[in-house]
Amino acid sequence: MDEKLLLQKRKKALTTRAEMIRAIRRFFTDRDYLEIETPLRVPTLAPESHIDAIPADGWFLHTSPELCMKRLLASGFHRIFQISHCFRKGERGRLHIDEFTLLEWYRAEIDYLDMMDECEDLFLFVAGELGFAKTINYQGRVIDLTKPWERISVREAFQEYSSLSPEEAIHEGCFDEIMVAEIEPNLGKKNPTFLYDYPLSLGSLARKKKKDPSVAERFEIYMAGLELANAFSELTDTEEQRKRFHKEEEFRRSSGKNAYPVPEKFLNALSNMPESSGIALGVDRLAMIFTGSASIDEVVAFTPEDL
């Protein structure tokens, strides 16, 4: 493809991305959400086994605005959203870039099932604003956005697509590998898929399911095998969250990774957080879906290699 055609393709993709972001803002402001901004540089983060932060003058560039947004939630801001640049060290590939954009939103007095309903509404609204019907053609696949979307538990997905159970995969240290190789390619083929109820050990900042304490109230969204979002019913138990952070830090140390200071201000605020649900959705990947792009490079103005 010659330079002129490449420029036209990039301009079209970035125009669609801008229209998509405007539609996202309309969706939330129409629902009485407050758009907020939190700092990009922070003194500490939620420790995660496989996510590394980029140091910045003694602090860190945030990997997600999650902790700051939840502190606002705990202080009385009960419907908030943010479109934020985030940073993760060493993430580069067809679907990854070390500086990327997340949409996060949090809402009090709902759980992860209510959040699924709101996600369906958001996608349909944005698609309509961009001139789509209720279907999207992505990389040769027609994805139907009509509600309700497919909902499949992690256990059901492993039973259908893998020879191991989730517990066996975790024990053998191959859960992520099975997800990528065997399960994710089968998700979101005809309509978006909610993959929900993760094993508790993979619950991160999600609360235990009341009817089944072996799993966490967590879901991810998939379209055409592409992971787009990660959501929780939020954990509000300070001591349980502290134990999970400690376990993650132990794993990081044993793996030779840097440890982060304990996020005490977040933990101190947690007991004031109402029952709520929150979600992080990849804006770049959503732009890939709406532009039919195969790579994240096609929907950002500059890649690291361009700079």
Foldseek 3Di string as FASTA:
>chain_A
DDPVVLVVLLVVLQVLLVLLVVLLVVLQVVVVAAEDDDDQWDAWAQFDQPWAFDDDPNTTGAQDCPLVVLLVLLVPRAWYKYWDWGATPPFDDQATARTFIKIKIKHFPDFLVVVLVVVLVSVCRSCVSSPHHQWFQAPNAIAGSDPDDAEEEQQRQCVVWHPDGCVVCVVVVNNVVCCLPTRLQPAARHYKYKYFFAAPLPQQQAAADPVHRRTGGKIWIHHNSDTWKIKHQGDLDLVVNVVSSVVSQVSCVVVVHDHGPDPVVSSVSSNSRHGMMMMMGGSLVVSCRRSSHSGSCSNDPDGPVRD
